[in-house]
PDB file of N, CA and C in Angstrom:
ATOM      1  N   MET A   1     113.813 167.188  71.749  1.00  0.00           N
ATOM      2  CA  MET A   1     113.923 166.946  73.140  1.00  0.00           C
ATOM      3  C   MET A   1     112.784 166.057  73.650  1.00  0.00           C
ATOM      4  N   LYS A   2     111.587 166.239  73.033  1.00  0.00           N
ATOM      5  CA  LYS A   2     110.384 165.450  73.428  1.00  0.00           C
ATOM      6  C   LYS A   2     110.685 163.957  73.086  1.00  0.00           C
ATOM      7  N   LYS A   3     111.297 163.724  71.909  1.00  0.00           N
ATOM      8  CA  LYS A   3     111.589 162.303  71.519  1.00  0.00           C
ATOM      9  C   LYS A   3     112.539 161.682  72.446  1.00  0.00           C
ATOM     10  N   ILE A   4     113.554 162.359  72.909  1.00  0.00           N
ATOM     11  CA  ILE A   4     114.541 161.825  73.878  1.00  0.00           C
ATOM     12  C   ILE A   4     113.805 161.513  75.203  1.00  0.00           C
ATOM     13  N   PHE A   5     112.964 162.397  75.652  1.00  0.00           N
ATOM     14  CA  PHE A   5     112.208 162.155  76.890  1.00  0.00           C
ATOM     15  C   PHE A   5     111.346 160.845  76.774  1.00  0.00           C
ATOM     16  N   ILE A   6     110.625 160.709  75.657  1.00  0.00           N
ATOM     17  CA  ILE A   6     109.698 159.560  75.476  1.00  0.00           C
ATOM     18  C   ILE A   6     110.557 158.275  75.357  1.00  0.00           C
ATOM     19  N   LEU A   7     111.730 158.375  74.659  1.00  0.00           N
ATOM     20  CA  LEU A   7     112.572 157.235  74.546  1.00  0.00           C
ATOM     21  C   LEU A   7     113.157 156.872  75.898  1.00  0.00           C
ATOM     22  N   SER A   8     113.609 157.830  76.672  1.00  0.00           N
ATOM     23  CA  SER A   8     114.119 157.542  78.006  1.00  0.00           C
ATOM     24  C   SER A   8     113.029 156.962  78.890  1.00  0.00           C
ATOM     25  N   LEU A   9     111.843 157.530  78.867  1.00  0.00           N
ATOM     26  CA  LEU A   9     110.698 156.972  79.678  1.00  0.00           C
ATOM     27  C   LEU A   9     110.374 155.540  79.307  1.00  0.00           C
ATOM     28  N   THR A  10     110.384 155.254  78.017  1.00  0.00           N
ATOM     29  CA  THR A  10     110.137 153.887  77.493  1.00  0.00           C
ATOM     30  C   THR A  10     111.169 152.906  77.961  1.00  0.00           C
ATOM     31  N   LEU A  11     112.417 153.316  77.807  1.00  0.00           N
ATOM     32  CA  LEU A  11     113.537 152.532  78.226  1.00  0.00           C
ATOM     33  C   LEU A  11     113.510 152.242  79.736  1.00  0.00           C
ATOM     34  N   PHE A  12     113.239 153.291  80.514  1.00  0.00           N
ATOM     35  CA  PHE A  12     113.166 153.093  81.939  1.00  0.00           C
ATOM     36  C   PHE A  12     112.051 152.147  82.373  1.00  0.00           C
ATOM     37  N   THR A  13     110.856 152.251  81.682  1.00  0.00           N
ATOM     38  CA  THR A  13     109.760 151.375  82.011  1.00  0.00           C
ATOM     39  C   THR A  13     110.089 149.900  81.639  1.00  0.00           C
ATOM     40  N   LEU A  14     110.751 149.642  80.508  1.00  0.00           N
ATOM     41  CA  LEU A  14     111.107 148.300  80.174  1.00  0.00           C
ATOM     42  C   LEU A  14     112.142 147.735  81.098  1.00  0.00           C
ATOM     43  N   LEU A  15     113.094 148.470  81.560  1.00  0.00           N
ATOM     44  CA  LEU A  15     114.143 147.992  82.415  1.00  0.00           C
ATOM     45  C   LEU A  15     113.637 147.786  83.843  1.00  0.00           C
ATOM     46  N   SER A  16     112.672 148.480  84.295  1.00  0.00           N
ATOM     47  CA  SER A  16     112.189 148.449  85.641  1.00  0.00           C
ATOM     48  C   SER A  16     111.332 147.241  85.900  1.00  0.00           C
ATOM     49  N   CYS A  17     110.855 146.545  84.850  1.00  0.00           N
ATOM     50  CA  CYS A  17     110.000 145.328  85.002  1.00  0.00           C
ATOM     51  C   CYS A  17     110.909 144.140  84.905  1.00  0.00           C
ATOM     52  N   SER A  18     110.674 143.206  85.786  1.00  0.00           N
ATOM     53  CA  SER A  18     111.466 141.935  85.723  1.00  0.00           C
ATOM     54  C   SER A  18     110.467 140.795  85.736  1.00  0.00           C
ATOM     55  N   PRO A  19     110.963 139.626  85.282  1.00  0.00           N
ATOM     56  CA  PRO A  19     110.098 138.408  85.248  1.00  0.00           C
ATOM     57  C   PRO A  19     109.626 138.040  86.627  1.00  0.00           C
ATOM     58  N   ASP A  20     110.369 138.399  87.715  1.00  0.00           N
ATOM     59  CA  ASP A  20     110.006 138.001  89.088  1.00  0.00           C
ATOM     60  C   ASP A  20     108.807 138.792  89.589  1.00  0.00           C
ATOM     61  N   ASP A  21     108.470 139.913  88.836  1.00  0.00           N
ATOM     62  CA  ASP A  21     107.324 140.714  89.338  1.00  0.00           C
ATOM     63  C   ASP A  21     105.974 139.970  89.241  1.00  0.00           C
ATOM     64  N   GLU A  22     105.893 139.054  88.305  1.00  0.00           N
ATOM     65  CA  GLU A  22     104.617 138.345  88.160  1.00  0.00           C
ATOM     66  C   GLU A  22     104.856 136.840  88.254  1.00  0.00           C
ATOM     67  N   THR A  23     105.206 136.367  89.454  1.00  0.00           N
ATOM     68  CA  THR A  23     105.461 134.929  89.678  1.00  0.00           C
ATOM     69  C   THR A  23     104.100 134.191  89.786  1.00  0.00           C
ATOM     70  N   VAL A  24     104.005 133.175  88.942  1.00  0.00           N
ATOM     71  CA  VAL A  24     102.828 132.347  88.942  1.00  0.00           C
ATOM     72  C   VAL A  24     103.181 130.968  89.470  1.00  0.00           C
ATOM     73  N   ASP A  25     102.366 130.527  90.453  1.00  0.00           N
ATOM     74  CA  ASP A  25     102.663 129.162  90.997  1.00  0.00           C
ATOM     75  C   ASP A  25     102.113 128.102  90.100  1.00  0.00           C
ATOM     76  N   THR A  26     102.957 127.383  89.443  1.00  0.00           N
ATOM     77  CA  THR A  26     102.508 126.316  88.573  1.00  0.00           C
ATOM     78  C   THR A  26     102.595 124.939  89.204  1.00  0.00           C
ATOM     79  N   THR A  27     102.879 124.885  90.522  1.00  0.00           N
ATOM     80  CA  THR A  27     102.926 123.639  91.251  1.00  0.00           C
ATOM     81  C   THR A  27     101.633 122.959  91.250  1.00  0.00           C
ATOM     82  N   THR A  28     101.558 121.726  90.701  1.00  0.00           N
ATOM     83  CA  THR A  28     100.355 120.928  90.717  1.00  0.00           C
ATOM     84  C   THR A  28     100.698 119.463  90.819  1.00  0.00           C
ATOM     85  N   ILE A  29      99.858 118.741  91.499  1.00  0.00           N
ATOM     86  CA  ILE A  29     100.060 117.285  91.624  1.00  0.00           C
ATOM     87  C   ILE A  29      99.643 116.551  90.393  1.00  0.00           C
ATOM     88  N   LEU A  30      98.796 117.191  89.542  1.00  0.00           N
ATOM     89  CA  LEU A  30      98.333 116.487  88.373  1.00  0.00           C
ATOM     90  C   LEU A  30      99.484 116.153  87.440  1.00  0.00           C
ATOM     91  N   GLY A  31      99.456 114.946  86.852  1.00  0.00           N
ATOM     92  CA  GLY A  31     100.451 114.576  85.903  1.00  0.00           C
ATOM     93  C   GLY A  31     101.085 113.193  86.279  1.00  0.00           C
ATOM     94  N   THR A  32     102.092 112.901  85.548  1.00  0.00           N
ATOM     95  CA  THR A  32     102.746 111.562  85.652  1.00  0.00           C
ATOM     96  C   THR A  32     104.051 111.772  86.425  1.00  0.00           C
ATOM     97  N   TRP A  33     104.205 110.898  87.397  1.00  0.00           N
ATOM     98  CA  TRP A  33     105.380 110.889  88.330  1.00  0.00           C
ATOM     99  C   TRP A  33     106.163 109.602  88.206  1.00  0.00           C
ATOM    100  N   LYS A  34     107.468 109.723  88.187  1.00  0.00           N
ATOM    101  CA  LYS A  34     108.378 108.538  87.998  1.00  0.00           C
ATOM    102  C   LYS A  34     109.169 108.369  89.321  1.00  0.00           C
ATOM    103  N   LEU A  35     109.225 107.142  89.783  1.00  0.00           N
ATOM    104  CA  LEU A  35     109.984 106.772  90.949  1.00  0.00           C
ATOM    105  C   LEU A  35     111.493 106.918  90.694  1.00  0.00           C
ATOM    106  N   ILE A  36     112.217 107.657  91.584  1.00  0.00           N
ATOM    107  CA  ILE A  36     113.639 107.858  91.381  1.00  0.00           C
ATOM    108  C   ILE A  36     114.443 107.304  92.564  1.00  0.00           C
ATOM    109  N   SER A  37     113.879 107.241  93.753  1.00  0.00           N
ATOM    110  CA  SER A  37     114.632 106.705  94.922  1.00  0.00           C
ATOM    111  C   SER A  37     113.665 106.287  96.023  1.00  0.00           C
ATOM    112  N   HIS A  38     114.205 105.622  97.022  1.00  0.00           N
ATOM    113  CA  HIS A  38     113.380 105.152  98.172  1.00  0.00           C
ATOM    114  C   HIS A  38     114.229 105.163  99.389  1.00  0.00           C
ATOM    115  N   SER A  39     113.592 104.972 100.556  1.00  0.00           N
ATOM    116  CA  SER A  39     114.299 105.086 101.827  1.00  0.00           C
ATOM    117  C   SER A  39     115.000 103.807 102.283  1.00  0.00           C
ATOM    118  N   ASP A  40     114.785 102.724 101.554  1.00  0.00           N
ATOM    119  CA  ASP A  40     115.452 101.438 101.904  1.00  0.00           C
ATOM    120  C   ASP A  40     116.991 101.645 101.793  1.00  0.00           C
ATOM    121  N   THR A  41     117.693 100.765 102.560  1.00  0.00           N
ATOM    122  CA  THR A  41     119.185 100.932 102.567  1.00  0.00           C
ATOM    123  C   THR A  41     119.815 100.501 101.245  1.00  0.00           C
ATOM    124  N   ASN A  42     119.178  99.627 100.514  1.00  0.00           N
ATOM    125  CA  ASN A  42     119.734  99.201  99.167  1.00  0.00           C
ATOM    126  C   ASN A  42     119.308 100.235  98.094  1.00  0.00           C
ATOM    127  N   PRO A  43     120.195 100.300  97.073  1.00  0.00           N
ATOM    128  CA  PRO A  43     119.827 101.175  95.946  1.00  0.00           C
ATOM    129  C   PRO A  43     118.523 100.771  95.287  1.00  0.00           C
ATOM    130  N   LEU A  44     117.885 101.657  94.571  1.00  0.00           N
ATOM    131  CA  LEU A  44     116.643 101.388  93.903  1.00  0.00           C
ATOM    132  C   LEU A  44     116.879 100.369  92.748  1.00  0.00           C
ATOM    133  N   PRO A  45     116.265  99.186  92.809  1.00  0.00           N
ATOM    134  CA  PRO A  45     116.402  98.212  91.786  1.00  0.00           C
ATOM    135  C   PRO A  45     115.938  98.774  90.407  1.00  0.00           C
ATOM    136  N   ASP A  46     116.595  98.362  89.303  1.00  0.00           N
ATOM    137  CA  ASP A  46     116.194  98.817  87.998  1.00  0.00           C
ATOM    138  C   ASP A  46     114.725  98.505  87.741  1.00  0.00           C
ATOM    139  N   CYS A  47     114.208  97.379  88.237  1.00  0.00           N
ATOM    140  CA  CYS A  47     112.808  97.006  88.039  1.00  0.00           C
ATOM    141  C   CYS A  47     111.923  98.096  88.582  1.00  0.00           C
ATOM    142  N   MET A  48     112.197  98.618  89.736  1.00  0.00           N
ATOM    143  CA  MET A  48     111.358  99.636  90.362  1.00  0.00           C
ATOM    144  C   MET A  48     111.387 100.953  89.663  1.00  0.00           C
ATOM    145  N   LYS A  49     112.388 101.233  88.875  1.00  0.00           N
ATOM    146  CA  LYS A  49     112.537 102.465  88.142  1.00  0.00           C
ATOM    147  C   LYS A  49     111.439 102.633  87.075  1.00  0.00           C
ATOM    148  N   GLN A  50     110.703 101.509  86.746  1.00  0.00           N
ATOM    149  CA  GLN A  50     109.609 101.574  85.799  1.00  0.00           C
ATOM    150  C   GLN A  50     108.326 102.137  86.447  1.00  0.00           C
ATOM    151  N   THR A  51     108.311 102.264  87.782  1.00  0.00           N
ATOM    152  CA  THR A  51     107.095 102.614  88.480  1.00  0.00           C
ATOM    153  C   THR A  51     106.652 104.065  88.074  1.00  0.00           C
ATOM    154  N   ARG A  52     105.402 104.167  87.835  1.00  0.00           N
ATOM    155  CA  ARG A  52     104.803 105.486  87.416  1.00  0.00           C
ATOM    156  C   ARG A  52     103.456 105.642  88.203  1.00  0.00           C
ATOM    157  N   ILE A  53     103.192 106.828  88.616  1.00  0.00           N
ATOM    158  CA  ILE A  53     101.917 107.175  89.231  1.00  0.00           C
ATOM    159  C   ILE A  53     101.396 108.338  88.461  1.00  0.00           C
ATOM    160  N   ILE A  54     100.077 108.339  88.175  1.00  0.00           N
ATOM    161  CA  ILE A  54      99.460 109.380  87.402  1.00  0.00           C
ATOM    162  C   ILE A  54      98.290 109.972  88.269  1.00  0.00           C
ATOM    163  N   PHE A  55      98.486 111.212  88.647  1.00  0.00           N
ATOM    164  CA  PHE A  55      97.388 111.943  89.389  1.00  0.00           C
ATOM    165  C   PHE A  55      96.528 112.607  88.329  1.00  0.00           C
ATOM    166  N   ILE A  56      95.243 112.271  88.422  1.00  0.00           N
ATOM    167  CA  ILE A  56      94.241 112.773  87.513  1.00  0.00           C
ATOM    168  C   ILE A  56      93.322 113.738  88.206  1.00  0.00           C
ATOM    169  N   GLU A  57      92.625 114.594  87.529  1.00  0.00           N
ATOM    170  CA  GLU A  57      91.701 115.474  88.148  1.00  0.00           C
ATOM    171  C   GLU A  57      90.597 114.782  88.943  1.00  0.00           C
ATOM    172  N   HIS A  58      89.912 115.504  89.786  1.00  0.00           N
ATOM    173  CA  HIS A  58      88.737 114.994  90.540  1.00  0.00           C
ATOM    174  C   HIS A  58      89.198 113.940  91.558  1.00  0.00           C
ATOM    175  N   GLY A  59      90.393 114.001  92.013  1.00  0.00           N
ATOM    176  CA  GLY A  59      90.819 113.166  93.107  1.00  0.00           C
ATOM    177  C   GLY A  59      91.070 111.649  92.743  1.00  0.00           C
ATOM    178  N   ASN A  60      91.385 111.392  91.521  1.00  0.00           N
ATOM    179  CA  ASN A  60      91.681 110.040  91.094  1.00  0.00           C
ATOM    180  C   ASN A  60      93.132 109.844  90.771  1.00  0.00           C
ATOM    181  N   LEU A  61      93.694 108.648  90.976  1.00  0.00           N
ATOM    182  CA  LEU A  61      95.044 108.364  90.525  1.00  0.00           C
ATOM    183  C   LEU A  61      95.089 106.917  90.079  1.00  0.00           C
ATOM    184  N   SER A  62      96.093 106.682  89.199  1.00  0.00           N
ATOM    185  CA  SER A  62      96.346 105.296  88.803  1.00  0.00           C
ATOM    186  C   SER A  62      97.877 105.147  88.671  1.00  0.00           C
ATOM    187  N   GLY A  63      98.279 103.960  88.526  1.00  0.00           N
ATOM    188  CA  GLY A  63      99.683 103.739  88.414  1.00  0.00           C
ATOM    189  C   GLY A  63     100.066 102.351  88.145  1.00  0.00           C
ATOM    190  N   GLU A  64     101.287 102.156  87.842  1.00  0.00           N
ATOM    191  CA  GLU A  64     101.881 100.820  87.626  1.00  0.00           C
ATOM    192  C   GLU A  64     103.096 100.711  88.611  1.00  0.00           C
ATOM    193  N   ILE A  65     103.009  99.830  89.566  1.00  0.00           N
ATOM    194  CA  ILE A  65     104.005  99.666  90.571  1.00  0.00           C
ATOM    195  C   ILE A  65     104.782  98.380  90.229  1.00  0.00           C
ATOM    196  N   TYR A  66     106.132  98.513  90.111  1.00  0.00           N
ATOM    197  CA  TYR A  66     106.992  97.399  89.803  1.00  0.00           C
ATOM    198  C   TYR A  66     107.818  97.062  91.049  1.00  0.00           C
ATOM    199  N   GLU A  67     107.877  95.764  91.328  1.00  0.00           N
ATOM    200  CA  GLU A  67     108.656  95.255  92.470  1.00  0.00           C
ATOM    201  C   GLU A  67     109.449  94.030  91.999  1.00  0.00           C
ATOM    202  N   PRO A  68     110.732  93.932  92.397  1.00  0.00           N
ATOM    203  CA  PRO A  68     111.518  92.762  92.004  1.00  0.00           C
ATOM    204  C   PRO A  68     111.040  91.531  92.772  1.00  0.00           C
ATOM    205  N   ASN A  69     111.032  90.417  92.024  1.00  0.00           N
ATOM    206  CA  ASN A  69     110.634  89.111  92.600  1.00  0.00           C
ATOM    207  C   ASN A  69     111.643  88.111  92.059  1.00  0.00           C
ATOM    208  N   GLY A  70     112.791  87.989  92.719  1.00  0.00           N
ATOM    209  CA  GLY A  70     113.839  87.098  92.249  1.00  0.00           C
ATOM    210  C   GLY A  70     114.413  87.714  91.000  1.00  0.00           C
ATOM    211  N   GLU A  71     114.430  86.913  89.907  1.00  0.00           N
ATOM    212  CA  GLU A  71     114.907  87.447  88.660  1.00  0.00           C
ATOM    213  C   GLU A  71     113.838  88.160  87.847  1.00  0.00           C
ATOM    214  N   ASN A  72     112.641  88.129  88.316  1.00  0.00           N
ATOM    215  CA  ASN A  72     111.450  88.709  87.617  1.00  0.00           C
ATOM    216  C   ASN A  72     111.137  90.113  88.174  1.00  0.00           C
ATOM    217  N   CYS A  73     110.257  90.764  87.432  1.00  0.00           N
ATOM    218  CA  CYS A  73     109.762  92.073  87.804  1.00  0.00           C
ATOM    219  C   CYS A  73     108.283  92.013  87.829  1.00  0.00           C
ATOM    220  N   ASP A  74     107.649  92.037  89.003  1.00  0.00           N
ATOM    221  CA  ASP A  74     106.211  91.951  89.095  1.00  0.00           C
ATOM    222  C   ASP A  74     105.560  93.342  89.026  1.00  0.00           C
ATOM    223  N   LYS A  75     104.490  93.435  88.228  1.00  0.00           N
ATOM    224  CA  LYS A  75     103.786  94.700  88.059  1.00  0.00           C
ATOM    225  C   LYS A  75     102.482  94.583  88.727  1.00  0.00           C
ATOM    226  N   THR A  76     102.103  95.667  89.536  1.00  0.00           N
ATOM    227  CA  THR A  76     100.791  95.760  90.149  1.00  0.00           C
ATOM    228  C   THR A  76     100.174  97.084  89.690  1.00  0.00           C
ATOM    229  N   ASN A  77      98.912  96.960  89.225  1.00  0.00           N
ATOM    230  CA  ASN A  77      98.203  98.156  88.836  1.00  0.00           C
ATOM    231  C   ASN A  77      97.564  98.845  90.109  1.00  0.00           C
ATOM    232  N   LEU A  78      97.721 100.089  90.188  1.00  0.00           N
ATOM    233  CA  LEU A  78      97.248 100.881  91.306  1.00  0.00           C
ATOM    234  C   LEU A  78      96.074 101.730  90.823  1.00  0.00           C
ATOM    235  N   VAL A  79      94.956 101.651  91.516  1.00  0.00           N
ATOM    236  CA  VAL A  79      93.872 102.573  91.288  1.00  0.00           C
ATOM    237  C   VAL A  79      93.428 103.035  92.693  1.00  0.00           C
ATOM    238  N   ALA A  80      93.424 104.365  92.882  1.00  0.00           N
ATOM    239  CA  ALA A  80      93.104 104.874  94.220  1.00  0.00           C
ATOM    240  C   ALA A  80      92.538 106.285  94.039  1.00  0.00           C
ATOM    241  N   SER A  81      92.310 106.906  95.150  1.00  0.00           N
ATOM    242  CA  SER A  81      91.854 108.334  95.134  1.00  0.00           C
ATOM    243  C   SER A  81      92.730 109.123  96.073  1.00  0.00           C
ATOM    244  N   TYR A  82      92.650 110.395  95.893  1.00  0.00           N
ATOM    245  CA  TYR A  82      93.459 111.250  96.829  1.00  0.00           C
ATOM    246  C   TYR A  82      92.684 112.438  97.256  1.00  0.00           C
ATOM    247  N   GLU A  83      92.968 112.952  98.436  1.00  0.00           N
ATOM    248  CA  GLU A  83      92.335 114.108  98.975  1.00  0.00           C
ATOM    249  C   GLU A  83      93.418 115.132  99.369  1.00  0.00           C
ATOM    250  N   LYS A  84      93.100 116.391  99.001  1.00  0.00           N
ATOM    251  CA  LYS A  84      94.050 117.468  99.316  1.00  0.00           C
ATOM    252  C   LYS A  84      93.845 117.853 100.784  1.00  0.00           C
ATOM    253  N   GLU A  85      94.914 117.835 101.583  1.00  0.00           N
ATOM    254  CA  GLU A  85      94.847 118.138 102.984  1.00  0.00           C
ATOM    255  C   GLU A  85      95.297 119.642 103.191  1.00  0.00           C
ATOM    256  N   THR A  86      96.367 120.041 102.545  1.00  0.00           N
ATOM    257  CA  THR A  86      96.840 121.403 102.623  1.00  0.00           C
ATOM    258  C   THR A  86      97.338 121.761 101.189  1.00  0.00           C
ATOM    259  N   GLU A  87      97.909 122.909 101.054  1.00  0.00           N
ATOM    260  CA  GLU A  87      98.360 123.323  99.699  1.00  0.00           C
ATOM    261  C   GLU A  87      99.322 122.371  99.042  1.00  0.00           C
ATOM    262  N   THR A  88     100.135 121.663  99.897  1.00  0.00           N
ATOM    263  CA  THR A  88     101.144 120.740  99.327  1.00  0.00           C
ATOM    264  C   THR A  88     101.064 119.386  99.912  1.00  0.00           C
ATOM    265  N   SER A  89      99.993 119.003 100.616  1.00  0.00           N
ATOM    266  CA  SER A  89      99.890 117.753 101.293  1.00  0.00           C
ATOM    267  C   SER A  89      98.623 117.016 100.832  1.00  0.00           C
ATOM    268  N   TYR A  90      98.751 115.694 100.584  1.00  0.00           N
ATOM    269  CA  TYR A  90      97.612 114.897 100.107  1.00  0.00           C
ATOM    270  C   TYR A  90      97.612 113.575 100.803  1.00  0.00           C
ATOM    271  N   THR A  91      96.434 112.934 100.921  1.00  0.00           N
ATOM    272  CA  THR A  91      96.235 111.621 101.453  1.00  0.00           C
ATOM    273  C   THR A  91      95.774 110.728 100.320  1.00  0.00           C
ATOM    274  N   VAL A  92      96.460 109.582 100.145  1.00  0.00           N
ATOM    275  CA  VAL A  92      96.046 108.640  99.089  1.00  0.00           C
ATOM    276  C   VAL A  92      95.265 107.548  99.790  1.00  0.00           C
ATOM    277  N   ILE A  93      94.074 107.264  99.180  1.00  0.00           N
ATOM    278  CA  ILE A  93      93.144 106.273  99.813  1.00  0.00           C
ATOM    279  C   ILE A  93      92.813 105.179  98.762  1.00  0.00           C
ATOM    280  N   GLY A  94      92.915 103.937  99.201  1.00  0.00           N
ATOM    281  CA  GLY A  94      92.571 102.827  98.326  1.00  0.00           C
ATOM    282  C   GLY A  94      91.589 101.936  99.106  1.00  0.00           C
ATOM    283  N   SER A  95      90.422 101.717  98.588  1.00  0.00           N
ATOM    284  CA  SER A  95      89.426 100.826  99.230  1.00  0.00           C
ATOM    285  C   SER A  95      89.283 101.100 100.727  1.00  0.00           C
ATOM    286  N   SER A  96      89.147 102.333 101.137  1.00  0.00           N
ATOM    287  CA  SER A  96      88.865 102.861 102.434  1.00  0.00           C
ATOM    288  C   SER A  96      90.045 102.756 103.383  1.00  0.00           C
ATOM    289  N   THR A  97      91.247 102.415 102.857  1.00  0.00           N
ATOM    290  CA  THR A  97      92.464 102.369 103.674  1.00  0.00           C
ATOM    291  C   THR A  97      93.440 103.426 103.224  1.00  0.00           C
ATOM    292  N   ILE A  98      94.029 104.184 104.146  1.00  0.00           N
ATOM    293  CA  ILE A  98      94.989 105.139 103.796  1.00  0.00           C
ATOM    294  C   ILE A  98      96.293 104.414 103.364  1.00  0.00           C
ATOM    295  N   LEU A  99      96.661 104.702 102.042  1.00  0.00           N
ATOM    296  CA  LEU A  99      97.800 104.041 101.491  1.00  0.00           C
ATOM    297  C   LEU A  99      99.065 104.813 101.725  1.00  0.00           C
ATOM    298  N   ALA A 100      98.999 106.162 101.706  1.00  0.00           N
ATOM    299  CA  ALA A 100     100.170 106.975 101.781  1.00  0.00           C
ATOM    300  C   ALA A 100      99.824 108.435 102.113  1.00  0.00           C
ATOM    301  N   GLU A 101     100.804 109.128 102.659  1.00  0.00           N
ATOM    302  CA  GLU A 101     100.727 110.585 102.737  1.00  0.00           C
ATOM    303  C   GLU A 101     101.670 111.123 101.705  1.00  0.00           C
ATOM    304  N   VAL A 102     101.305 112.183 101.000  1.00  0.00           N
ATOM    305  CA  VAL A 102     102.068 112.683  99.916  1.00  0.00           C
ATOM    306  C   VAL A 102     102.390 114.155 100.120  1.00  0.00           C
ATOM    307  N   GLU A 103     103.619 114.505  99.979  1.00  0.00           N
ATOM    308  CA  GLU A 103     104.020 115.961 100.063  1.00  0.00           C
ATOM    309  C   GLU A 103     104.569 116.325  98.714  1.00  0.00           C
ATOM    310  N   LEU A 104     104.209 117.567  98.266  1.00  0.00           N
ATOM    311  CA  LEU A 104     104.586 118.045  96.949  1.00  0.00           C
ATOM    312  C   LEU A 104     105.582 119.185  97.183  1.00  0.00           C
ATOM    313  N   GLU A 105     106.762 119.108  96.493  1.00  0.00           N
ATOM    314  CA  GLU A 105     107.796 120.109  96.549  1.00  0.00           C
ATOM    315  C   GLU A 105     108.216 120.428  95.132  1.00  0.00           C
ATOM    316  N   SER A 106     107.610 121.459  94.513  1.00  0.00           N
ATOM    317  CA  SER A 106     107.879 121.799  93.119  1.00  0.00           C
ATOM    318  C   SER A 106     107.709 120.631  92.239  1.00  0.00           C
ATOM    319  N   ASN A 107     108.718 120.100  91.524  1.00  0.00           N
ATOM    320  CA  ASN A 107     108.556 118.976  90.613  1.00  0.00           C
ATOM    321  C   ASN A 107     108.950 117.695  91.342  1.00  0.00           C
ATOM    322  N   LYS A 108     108.946 117.681  92.707  1.00  0.00           N
ATOM    323  CA  LYS A 108     109.256 116.471  93.440  1.00  0.00           C
ATOM    324  C   LYS A 108     108.075 116.058  94.267  1.00  0.00           C
ATOM    325  N   LEU A 109     107.857 114.804  94.399  1.00  0.00           N
ATOM    326  CA  LEU A 109     106.752 114.214  95.186  1.00  0.00           C
ATOM    327  C   LEU A 109     107.314 113.232  96.153  1.00  0.00           C
ATOM    328  N   ILE A 110     106.985 113.353  97.486  1.00  0.00           N
ATOM    329  CA  ILE A 110     107.452 112.446  98.463  1.00  0.00           C
ATOM    330  C   ILE A 110     106.220 111.668  98.962  1.00  0.00           C
ATOM    331  N   TRP A 111     106.288 110.338  98.710  1.00  0.00           N
ATOM    332  CA  TRP A 111     105.247 109.366  99.019  1.00  0.00           C
ATOM    333  C   TRP A 111     105.677 108.600 100.240  1.00  0.00           C
ATOM    334  N   THR A 112     104.948 108.749 101.371  1.00  0.00           N
ATOM    335  CA  THR A 112     105.270 108.071 102.625  1.00  0.00           C
ATOM    336  C   THR A 112     104.228 107.015 102.980  1.00  0.00           C
ATOM    337  N   GLU A 113     104.641 105.792 103.033  1.00  0.00           N
ATOM    338  CA  GLU A 113     103.821 104.681 103.470  1.00  0.00           C
ATOM    339  C   GLU A 113     104.159 104.233 104.885  1.00  0.00           C
ATOM    340  N   LYS A 114     103.154 104.099 105.691  1.00  0.00           N
ATOM    341  CA  LYS A 114     103.396 103.700 107.091  1.00  0.00           C
ATOM    342  C   LYS A 114     102.645 102.358 107.384  1.00  0.00           C
ATOM    343  N   SER A 115     103.312 101.426 107.948  1.00  0.00           N
ATOM    344  CA  SER A 115     102.683 100.200 108.440  1.00  0.00           C
ATOM    345  C   SER A 115     102.989 100.116 109.900  1.00  0.00           C
ATOM    346  N   SER A 116     102.454  99.022 110.488  1.00  0.00           N
ATOM    347  CA  SER A 116     102.756  98.820 111.933  1.00  0.00           C
ATOM    348  C   SER A 116     104.209  98.534 112.230  1.00  0.00           C
ATOM    349  N   THR A 117     104.926  98.103 111.195  1.00  0.00           N
ATOM    350  CA  THR A 117     106.320  97.668 111.448  1.00  0.00           C
ATOM    351  C   THR A 117     107.372  98.653 110.846  1.00  0.00           C
ATOM    352  N   LYS A 118     106.996  99.424 109.814  1.00  0.00           N
ATOM    353  CA  LYS A 118     108.012 100.316 109.234  1.00  0.00           C
ATOM    354  C   LYS A 118     107.390 101.429 108.454  1.00  0.00           C
ATOM    355  N   THR A 119     108.201 102.432 108.155  1.00  0.00           N
ATOM    356  CA  THR A 119     107.803 103.541 107.326  1.00  0.00           C
ATOM    357  C   THR A 119     108.712 103.509 106.023  1.00  0.00           C
ATOM    358  N   ARG A 120     108.072 103.634 104.908  1.00  0.00           N
ATOM    359  CA  ARG A 120     108.791 103.585 103.656  1.00  0.00           C
ATOM    360  C   ARG A 120     108.519 104.873 102.837  1.00  0.00           C
ATOM    361  N   ILE A 121     109.613 105.479 102.379  1.00  0.00           N
ATOM    362  CA  ILE A 121     109.521 106.771 101.690  1.00  0.00           C
ATOM    363  C   ILE A 121     109.956 106.555 100.185  1.00  0.00           C
ATOM    364  N   LEU A 122     109.093 106.948  99.331  1.00  0.00           N
ATOM    365  CA  LEU A 122     109.374 106.854  97.860  1.00  0.00           C
ATOM    366  C   LEU A 122     109.450 108.259  97.341  1.00  0.00           C
ATOM    367  N   ASN A 123     110.464 108.557  96.523  1.00  0.00           N
ATOM    368  CA  ASN A 123     110.653 109.900  95.920  1.00  0.00           C
ATOM    369  C   ASN A 123     110.432 109.785  94.433  1.00  0.00           C
ATOM    370  N   PHE A 124     109.604 110.692  93.971  1.00  0.00           N
ATOM    371  CA  PHE A 124     109.204 110.732  92.510  1.00  0.00           C
ATOM    372  C   PHE A 124     109.614 112.107  91.964  1.00  0.00           C
ATOM    373  N   ILE A 125     109.799 112.130  90.626  1.00  0.00           N
ATOM    374  CA  ILE A 125     109.938 113.405  89.929  1.00  0.00           C
ATOM    375  C   ILE A 125     108.781 113.421  88.837  1.00  0.00           C
ATOM    376  N   LYS A 126     108.405 114.671  88.518  1.00  0.00           N
ATOM    377  CA  LYS A 126     107.289 114.806  87.536  1.00  0.00           C
ATOM    378  C   LYS A 126     107.939 114.644  86.136  1.00  0.00           C
ATOM    379  N   VAL A 127     107.317 113.784  85.335  1.00  0.00           N
ATOM    380  CA  VAL A 127     107.760 113.625  83.972  1.00  0.00           C
ATOM    381  C   VAL A 127     106.813 114.131  82.917  1.00  0.00           C
ATOM    382  N   LYS A 128     105.576 114.333  83.236  1.00  0.00           N
ATOM    383  CA  LYS A 128     104.590 114.933  82.299  1.00  0.00           C
ATOM    384  C   LYS A 128     103.577 115.735  83.062  1.00  0.00           C
TER     385      LYS A 128
END
């Protein structure tokens, strides 16, 4: 009888625990992000699909930005810094100018650039 009780208690303990009981937030901006879409009316050109941004520790980021130029694909190297504003919001700064506001949603990153004439939104997914 004692063995049945211990077996039942063990079984009950194992079944009452679920993976949701210990949710760990693994959301982090650190890593490599790939451009997947943008807010312009035209589809994302193949050239721009090569764009990558890498968020590094200590508020640094780097990247390779690709833009179509006629039949060519121009690459611009990006070196900037970022500051955490809230749990999921960051400001990207390059040479004392705010380049973008960044929102983090799980493995998605929304990069918003604002100028005096327009707002451009770039959507990235985490690849590393």
